[in-house]
Amino acid sequence: MGSESMRRALMVSALILSATPLLAHHNVTQIYDAEKPVPLNGTVTAVQWKNPHAFVLVDVKDGAGSVVNWKVEWLAAMIIFRQGLNRDSLHVGDAINMTVCLAKDGSHTAIAQFVTVPSAFENHRIGLCKAVSR
C-alpha cells in the first residue's frame, strides 16, 4: 500500500472512530418528555461524575409520603465544569431543587433542565430538556 493510500485509510478510520460516540448518543426527546418540565425536589444520595453524562441520585417524597430514589441525568461532567460547577458543588445530603423532564417509560428517571442547590448555587441551567419561561 502506497503512502497516499495509507494516509487515506488512516483518515477514514479516524473519521469513523470519531463519529461512533455520536451514533451511540441518544435523542433526548425519544427517552424524556421534553415538552412538560416538572419540579423535582429532594436530597442527594449519590453523584456520578462521568461521561457521556453525569448522574445525580435523589431521594424524593412521593404524594403518599414514601421516599423514592430518582436517577437524574445531567450534561457531561466536562460541560458542567466549564459552566463553573465542580466536584465540590454538590454533596450527598444536599437539598436539591430541579426542573426535570420525566422519562416516557414511567421509571424514576429524568433529565435535568434547571438545578438549584440552596447551599451552593441557584437556577443553574444544567440539562437538555426544553427551556421554560420563569
N, C-alpha and C. Protein backbone atom coordinates (compact mmCIF):
# COMPACT_ATOMS: atom_id res chain seq x y z
N MET A 1 0.86 -1.17 0.00
CA MET A 1 0.00 0.00 0.00
C MET A 1 0.90 1.23 0.00
N GLY A 2 0.63 2.16 -0.93
CA GLY A 2 1.42 3.37 -1.02
C GLY A 2 1.12 4.33 0.12
N SER A 3 1.99 5.36 0.25
CA SER A 3 1.82 6.30 1.36
C SER A 3 0.52 7.10 1.23
N GLU A 4 0.11 7.42 0.01
CA GLU A 4 -1.15 8.15 -0.18
C GLU A 4 -2.35 7.27 0.20
N SER A 5 -2.34 6.01 -0.19
CA SER A 5 -3.41 5.09 0.18
C SER A 5 -3.45 4.88 1.68
N MET A 6 -2.27 4.77 2.31
CA MET A 6 -2.21 4.59 3.75
C MET A 6 -2.77 5.82 4.46
N ARG A 7 -2.44 7.00 3.98
CA ARG A 7 -2.94 8.24 4.58
C ARG A 7 -4.47 8.30 4.47
N ARG A 8 -5.02 7.93 3.34
CA ARG A 8 -6.48 7.92 3.16
C ARG A 8 -7.15 6.91 4.09
N ALA A 9 -6.56 5.72 4.20
CA ALA A 9 -7.11 4.69 5.08
C ALA A 9 -7.11 5.17 6.54
N LEU A 10 -6.04 5.83 6.95
CA LEU A 10 -5.97 6.35 8.31
C LEU A 10 -7.00 7.45 8.54
N MET A 11 -7.18 8.32 7.55
CA MET A 11 -8.15 9.40 7.68
C MET A 11 -9.57 8.84 7.80
N VAL A 12 -9.90 7.86 6.96
CA VAL A 12 -11.23 7.25 7.01
C VAL A 12 -11.43 6.56 8.36
N SER A 13 -10.42 5.84 8.83
CA SER A 13 -10.51 5.16 10.13
C SER A 13 -10.73 6.17 11.25
N ALA A 14 -9.98 7.27 11.23
CA ALA A 14 -10.13 8.29 12.26
C ALA A 14 -11.52 8.91 12.22
N LEU A 15 -12.04 9.15 11.03
CA LEU A 15 -13.38 9.72 10.88
C LEU A 15 -14.45 8.78 11.43
N ILE A 16 -14.33 7.50 11.13
CA ILE A 16 -15.29 6.52 11.62
C ILE A 16 -15.23 6.42 13.13
N LEU A 17 -14.03 6.37 13.69
CA LEU A 17 -13.88 6.27 15.14
C LEU A 17 -14.39 7.52 15.86
N SER A 18 -14.19 8.68 15.27
CA SER A 18 -14.66 9.90 15.93
C SER A 18 -16.17 10.05 15.86
N ALA A 19 -16.81 9.43 14.89
CA ALA A 19 -18.27 9.53 14.74
C ALA A 19 -19.01 8.51 15.59
N THR A 20 -18.36 7.45 16.02
CA THR A 20 -19.01 6.39 16.77
C THR A 20 -19.75 6.90 18.01
N PRO A 21 -19.15 7.77 18.87
CA PRO A 21 -19.91 8.25 20.02
C PRO A 21 -21.17 9.01 19.64
N LEU A 22 -21.15 9.72 18.53
CA LEU A 22 -22.33 10.45 18.09
C LEU A 22 -23.46 9.51 17.70
N LEU A 23 -23.10 8.40 17.08
CA LEU A 23 -24.12 7.44 16.68
C LEU A 23 -24.74 6.75 17.90
N ALA A 24 -23.95 6.57 18.95
CA ALA A 24 -24.43 5.89 20.14
C ALA A 24 -25.22 6.82 21.05
N HIS A 25 -25.10 8.11 20.89
CA HIS A 25 -25.75 9.07 21.77
C HIS A 25 -27.25 9.09 21.52
N HIS A 26 -28.03 9.18 22.59
CA HIS A 26 -29.48 9.12 22.44
C HIS A 26 -30.09 10.49 22.16
N ASN A 27 -31.28 10.44 21.59
CA ASN A 27 -32.05 11.64 21.35
C ASN A 27 -32.92 11.86 22.58
N VAL A 28 -32.76 13.02 23.22
CA VAL A 28 -33.45 13.33 24.47
C VAL A 28 -34.96 13.15 24.33
N THR A 29 -35.53 13.57 23.22
CA THR A 29 -36.99 13.52 23.07
C THR A 29 -37.51 12.10 22.87
N GLN A 30 -36.65 11.15 22.55
CA GLN A 30 -37.08 9.76 22.46
C GLN A 30 -37.25 9.14 23.84
N ILE A 31 -36.46 9.59 24.80
CA ILE A 31 -36.45 9.00 26.13
C ILE A 31 -37.26 9.81 27.13
N TYR A 32 -37.19 11.14 27.03
CA TYR A 32 -37.81 12.02 28.02
C TYR A 32 -38.92 12.86 27.38
N ASP A 33 -39.91 13.24 28.20
CA ASP A 33 -40.99 14.11 27.75
C ASP A 33 -40.51 15.56 27.88
N ALA A 34 -39.84 16.04 26.85
CA ALA A 34 -39.21 17.36 26.87
C ALA A 34 -40.21 18.51 26.82
N GLU A 35 -41.47 18.22 26.55
CA GLU A 35 -42.49 19.26 26.46
C GLU A 35 -43.12 19.61 27.81
N LYS A 36 -42.89 18.80 28.83
CA LYS A 36 -43.56 19.00 30.13
C LYS A 36 -42.57 18.98 31.29
N PRO A 37 -41.74 20.01 31.43
CA PRO A 37 -40.83 20.04 32.58
C PRO A 37 -41.62 20.13 33.88
N VAL A 38 -41.15 19.43 34.91
CA VAL A 38 -41.81 19.43 36.22
C VAL A 38 -40.77 19.63 37.32
N PRO A 39 -41.21 20.11 38.50
CA PRO A 39 -40.28 20.25 39.61
C PRO A 39 -39.99 18.89 40.25
N LEU A 40 -38.77 18.71 40.71
CA LEU A 40 -38.36 17.52 41.46
C LEU A 40 -37.42 17.99 42.56
N ASN A 41 -37.86 17.85 43.80
CA ASN A 41 -37.10 18.35 44.94
C ASN A 41 -36.81 17.21 45.90
N GLY A 42 -35.59 17.16 46.42
CA GLY A 42 -35.25 16.08 47.33
C GLY A 42 -33.87 16.25 47.93
N THR A 43 -33.28 15.10 48.30
CA THR A 43 -31.97 15.07 48.94
C THR A 43 -31.03 14.21 48.10
N VAL A 44 -29.84 14.71 47.83
CA VAL A 44 -28.85 14.00 47.03
C VAL A 44 -28.38 12.75 47.78
N THR A 45 -28.43 11.59 47.10
CA THR A 45 -27.93 10.34 47.70
C THR A 45 -26.64 9.87 47.04
N ALA A 46 -26.37 10.32 45.82
CA ALA A 46 -25.13 9.97 45.12
C ALA A 46 -24.93 10.91 43.94
N VAL A 47 -23.68 11.12 43.59
CA VAL A 47 -23.32 11.92 42.41
C VAL A 47 -22.33 11.11 41.60
N GLN A 48 -22.62 10.93 40.32
CA GLN A 48 -21.75 10.16 39.43
C GLN A 48 -21.21 11.10 38.36
N TRP A 49 -19.98 11.58 38.54
CA TRP A 49 -19.35 12.46 37.56
C TRP A 49 -18.70 11.59 36.51
N LYS A 50 -19.40 11.34 35.42
CA LYS A 50 -18.83 10.51 34.37
C LYS A 50 -19.33 10.99 33.01
N ASN A 51 -18.71 10.49 31.98
CA ASN A 51 -19.13 10.80 30.62
C ASN A 51 -19.80 9.58 30.02
N PRO A 52 -20.77 9.69 29.16
CA PRO A 52 -21.11 10.92 28.46
C PRO A 52 -22.00 11.86 29.25
N HIS A 53 -22.56 11.44 30.38
CA HIS A 53 -23.39 12.33 31.19
C HIS A 53 -23.13 12.08 32.66
N ALA A 54 -23.28 13.12 33.45
CA ALA A 54 -23.23 12.96 34.90
C ALA A 54 -24.63 12.56 35.36
N PHE A 55 -24.71 11.88 36.50
CA PHE A 55 -25.99 11.48 37.07
C PHE A 55 -26.02 11.86 38.54
N VAL A 56 -27.19 12.28 39.00
CA VAL A 56 -27.41 12.58 40.40
C VAL A 56 -28.58 11.71 40.86
N LEU A 57 -28.38 10.99 41.95
CA LEU A 57 -29.44 10.19 42.53
C LEU A 57 -30.03 10.98 43.69
N VAL A 58 -31.35 11.05 43.72
CA VAL A 58 -32.04 11.94 44.66
C VAL A 58 -33.21 11.19 45.31
N ASP A 59 -33.28 11.27 46.65
CA ASP A 59 -34.45 10.76 47.36
C ASP A 59 -35.54 11.83 47.35
N VAL A 60 -36.73 11.46 46.88
CA VAL A 60 -37.85 12.38 46.76
C VAL A 60 -39.07 11.75 47.42
N LYS A 61 -39.81 12.52 48.21
CA LYS A 61 -41.05 12.02 48.79
C LYS A 61 -42.16 12.11 47.75
N ASP A 62 -42.87 10.98 47.57
CA ASP A 62 -43.98 10.99 46.63
C ASP A 62 -45.25 11.49 47.32
N GLY A 63 -46.35 11.51 46.62
CA GLY A 63 -47.62 12.03 47.14
C GLY A 63 -48.11 11.30 48.38
N ALA A 64 -47.72 10.02 48.56
CA ALA A 64 -48.14 9.23 49.72
C ALA A 64 -47.17 9.36 50.89
N GLY A 65 -46.09 10.13 50.69
CA GLY A 65 -45.10 10.31 51.75
C GLY A 65 -43.97 9.29 51.75
N SER A 66 -44.01 8.35 50.79
CA SER A 66 -42.93 7.37 50.67
C SER A 66 -41.74 8.00 49.96
N VAL A 67 -40.54 7.55 50.31
CA VAL A 67 -39.33 8.07 49.67
C VAL A 67 -39.00 7.20 48.46
N VAL A 68 -38.81 7.86 47.33
CA VAL A 68 -38.48 7.19 46.07
C VAL A 68 -37.14 7.74 45.59
N ASN A 69 -36.23 6.86 45.16
CA ASN A 69 -34.94 7.31 44.65
C ASN A 69 -35.04 7.52 43.15
N TRP A 70 -34.70 8.73 42.71
CA TRP A 70 -34.73 9.10 41.30
C TRP A 70 -33.30 9.18 40.76
N LYS A 71 -33.12 8.79 39.50
CA LYS A 71 -31.85 8.95 38.80
C LYS A 71 -32.04 10.07 37.79
N VAL A 72 -31.28 11.16 37.97
CA VAL A 72 -31.45 12.33 37.12
C VAL A 72 -30.18 12.54 36.29
N GLU A 73 -30.37 12.56 35.00
CA GLU A 73 -29.27 12.75 34.05
C GLU A 73 -28.95 14.23 33.91
N TRP A 74 -27.66 14.54 33.90
CA TRP A 74 -27.18 15.90 33.65
C TRP A 74 -26.35 15.89 32.38
N LEU A 75 -25.82 17.04 32.03
CA LEU A 75 -24.88 17.13 30.91
C LEU A 75 -23.59 16.39 31.25
N ALA A 76 -22.70 16.28 30.29
CA ALA A 76 -21.39 15.68 30.55
C ALA A 76 -20.64 16.46 31.62
N ALA A 77 -19.90 15.76 32.44
CA ALA A 77 -19.17 16.38 33.54
C ALA A 77 -18.29 17.54 33.05
N MET A 78 -17.62 17.38 31.94
CA MET A 78 -16.73 18.45 31.44
C MET A 78 -17.51 19.71 31.10
N ILE A 79 -18.71 19.56 30.56
CA ILE A 79 -19.53 20.74 30.24
C ILE A 79 -19.97 21.41 31.53
N ILE A 80 -20.38 20.61 32.50
CA ILE A 80 -20.78 21.17 33.79
C ILE A 80 -19.63 21.93 34.43
N PHE A 81 -18.43 21.36 34.38
CA PHE A 81 -17.26 22.01 34.97
C PHE A 81 -16.96 23.34 34.26
N ARG A 82 -17.13 23.36 32.94
CA ARG A 82 -16.89 24.60 32.19
C ARG A 82 -17.91 25.68 32.55
N GLN A 83 -19.07 25.27 33.04
CA GLN A 83 -20.10 26.23 33.44
C GLN A 83 -19.86 26.77 34.85
N GLY A 84 -18.80 26.31 35.50
CA GLY A 84 -18.46 26.85 36.81
C GLY A 84 -18.74 25.94 37.98
N LEU A 85 -19.42 24.83 37.76
CA LEU A 85 -19.62 23.88 38.85
C LEU A 85 -18.43 22.93 38.90
N ASN A 86 -18.22 22.31 40.04
CA ASN A 86 -17.15 21.33 40.17
C ASN A 86 -17.58 20.23 41.13
N ARG A 87 -16.67 19.30 41.39
CA ARG A 87 -16.99 18.15 42.25
C ARG A 87 -17.37 18.57 43.67
N ASP A 88 -16.98 19.78 44.07
CA ASP A 88 -17.31 20.27 45.41
C ASP A 88 -18.61 21.07 45.43
N SER A 89 -19.28 21.22 44.29
CA SER A 89 -20.52 21.99 44.23
C SER A 89 -21.72 21.22 44.74
N LEU A 90 -21.63 19.91 44.81
CA LEU A 90 -22.77 19.07 45.15
C LEU A 90 -22.30 17.90 46.01
N HIS A 91 -22.99 17.67 47.13
CA HIS A 91 -22.59 16.62 48.06
C HIS A 91 -23.78 15.75 48.45
N VAL A 92 -23.50 14.51 48.82
CA VAL A 92 -24.53 13.64 49.38
C VAL A 92 -25.11 14.33 50.60
N GLY A 93 -26.42 14.36 50.69
CA GLY A 93 -27.10 15.02 51.80
C GLY A 93 -27.58 16.42 51.49
N ASP A 94 -27.10 17.03 50.39
CA ASP A 94 -27.55 18.36 50.00
C ASP A 94 -29.02 18.33 49.58
N ALA A 95 -29.75 19.36 49.98
CA ALA A 95 -31.09 19.57 49.43
C ALA A 95 -30.91 20.04 48.00
N ILE A 96 -31.78 19.57 47.10
CA ILE A 96 -31.65 19.95 45.69
C ILE A 96 -33.05 20.16 45.11
N ASN A 97 -33.19 21.22 44.33
CA ASN A 97 -34.44 21.55 43.64
C ASN A 97 -34.13 21.57 42.15
N MET A 98 -34.89 20.80 41.38
CA MET A 98 -34.63 20.73 39.94
C MET A 98 -35.92 20.88 39.15
N THR A 99 -35.78 21.38 37.95
CA THR A 99 -36.82 21.28 36.94
C THR A 99 -36.32 20.19 36.01
N VAL A 100 -37.13 19.15 35.83
CA VAL A 100 -36.69 17.99 35.06
C VAL A 100 -37.74 17.61 34.02
N CYS A 101 -37.32 16.81 33.06
CA CYS A 101 -38.21 16.19 32.10
C CYS A 101 -38.21 14.70 32.42
N LEU A 102 -39.39 14.13 32.68
CA LEU A 102 -39.52 12.75 33.12
C LEU A 102 -39.35 11.77 31.96
N ALA A 103 -38.87 10.57 32.31
CA ALA A 103 -38.74 9.51 31.31
C ALA A 103 -40.13 9.10 30.83
N LYS A 104 -40.25 8.85 29.54
CA LYS A 104 -41.53 8.45 28.96
C LYS A 104 -41.97 7.05 29.39
N ASP A 105 -41.02 6.23 29.87
CA ASP A 105 -41.36 4.86 30.25
C ASP A 105 -41.93 4.75 31.66
N GLY A 106 -42.07 5.88 32.36
CA GLY A 106 -42.66 5.88 33.69
C GLY A 106 -41.71 5.50 34.81
N SER A 107 -40.45 5.23 34.49
CA SER A 107 -39.47 4.89 35.52
C SER A 107 -39.12 6.14 36.33
N HIS A 108 -38.43 5.96 37.42
CA HIS A 108 -38.00 7.09 38.25
C HIS A 108 -36.68 7.63 37.71
N THR A 109 -36.75 8.06 36.46
CA THR A 109 -35.60 8.59 35.74
C THR A 109 -36.02 9.89 35.07
N ALA A 110 -35.10 10.85 35.04
CA ALA A 110 -35.41 12.15 34.44
C ALA A 110 -34.12 12.76 33.92
N ILE A 111 -34.28 13.84 33.16
CA ILE A 111 -33.13 14.63 32.73
C ILE A 111 -33.35 16.04 33.26
N ALA A 112 -32.31 16.61 33.83
CA ALA A 112 -32.43 17.92 34.46
C ALA A 112 -32.41 19.04 33.44
N GLN A 113 -33.09 20.11 33.80
CA GLN A 113 -33.07 21.32 32.99
C GLN A 113 -32.46 22.45 33.80
N PHE A 114 -33.04 22.73 34.96
CA PHE A 114 -32.50 23.74 35.87
C PHE A 114 -32.27 23.09 37.22
N VAL A 115 -31.22 23.52 37.90
CA VAL A 115 -30.88 22.95 39.20
C VAL A 115 -30.55 24.06 40.17
N THR A 116 -31.09 23.94 41.40
CA THR A 116 -30.72 24.84 42.49
C THR A 116 -30.34 23.98 43.69
N VAL A 117 -29.16 24.26 44.22
CA VAL A 117 -28.74 23.68 45.50
C VAL A 117 -28.63 24.87 46.44
N PRO A 118 -29.60 25.02 47.37
CA PRO A 118 -29.65 26.23 48.19
C PRO A 118 -28.33 26.59 48.87
N SER A 119 -27.54 25.60 49.24
CA SER A 119 -26.28 25.88 49.92
C SER A 119 -25.15 26.27 48.98
N ALA A 120 -25.37 26.14 47.66
CA ALA A 120 -24.25 26.35 46.74
C ALA A 120 -24.54 27.25 45.54
N PHE A 121 -25.66 27.04 44.84
CA PHE A 121 -25.92 27.81 43.62
C PHE A 121 -27.41 27.81 43.33
N GLU A 122 -27.84 28.77 42.50
CA GLU A 122 -29.26 28.90 42.17
C GLU A 122 -29.51 28.84 40.68
N ASN A 123 -30.58 28.19 40.30
CA ASN A 123 -31.13 28.22 38.95
C ASN A 123 -30.07 28.05 37.86
N HIS A 124 -29.24 27.03 38.02
CA HIS A 124 -28.17 26.77 37.06
C HIS A 124 -28.71 25.88 35.95
N ARG A 125 -28.57 26.33 34.70
CA ARG A 125 -29.03 25.51 33.57
C ARG A 125 -28.04 24.37 33.40
N ILE A 126 -28.52 23.16 33.54
CA ILE A 126 -27.62 22.01 33.59
C ILE A 126 -28.01 20.92 32.61
N GLY A 127 -29.16 21.04 31.99
CA GLY A 127 -29.64 19.92 31.20
C GLY A 127 -30.12 20.29 29.83
N LEU A 128 -30.76 19.33 29.23
CA LEU A 128 -31.04 19.40 27.81
C LEU A 128 -32.51 19.52 27.44
N CYS A 129 -33.43 19.45 28.41
CA CYS A 129 -34.82 19.48 28.00
C CYS A 129 -35.25 20.90 27.68
N LYS A 130 -36.39 21.03 27.05
CA LYS A 130 -36.88 22.30 26.50
C LYS A 130 -36.91 23.42 27.54
N ALA A 131 -36.50 24.59 27.14
CA ALA A 131 -36.50 25.75 28.04
C ALA A 131 -37.93 26.15 28.37
N VAL A 132 -38.13 26.57 29.60
CA VAL A 132 -39.43 27.10 30.01
C VAL A 132 -39.23 28.50 30.51
N SER A 133 -40.24 29.33 30.38
CA SER A 133 -40.12 30.68 30.88
C SER A 133 -40.26 30.65 32.40
N ARG A 134 -39.54 31.48 33.07
CA ARG A 134 -39.54 31.52 34.53
C ARG A 134 -40.06 32.85 35.00
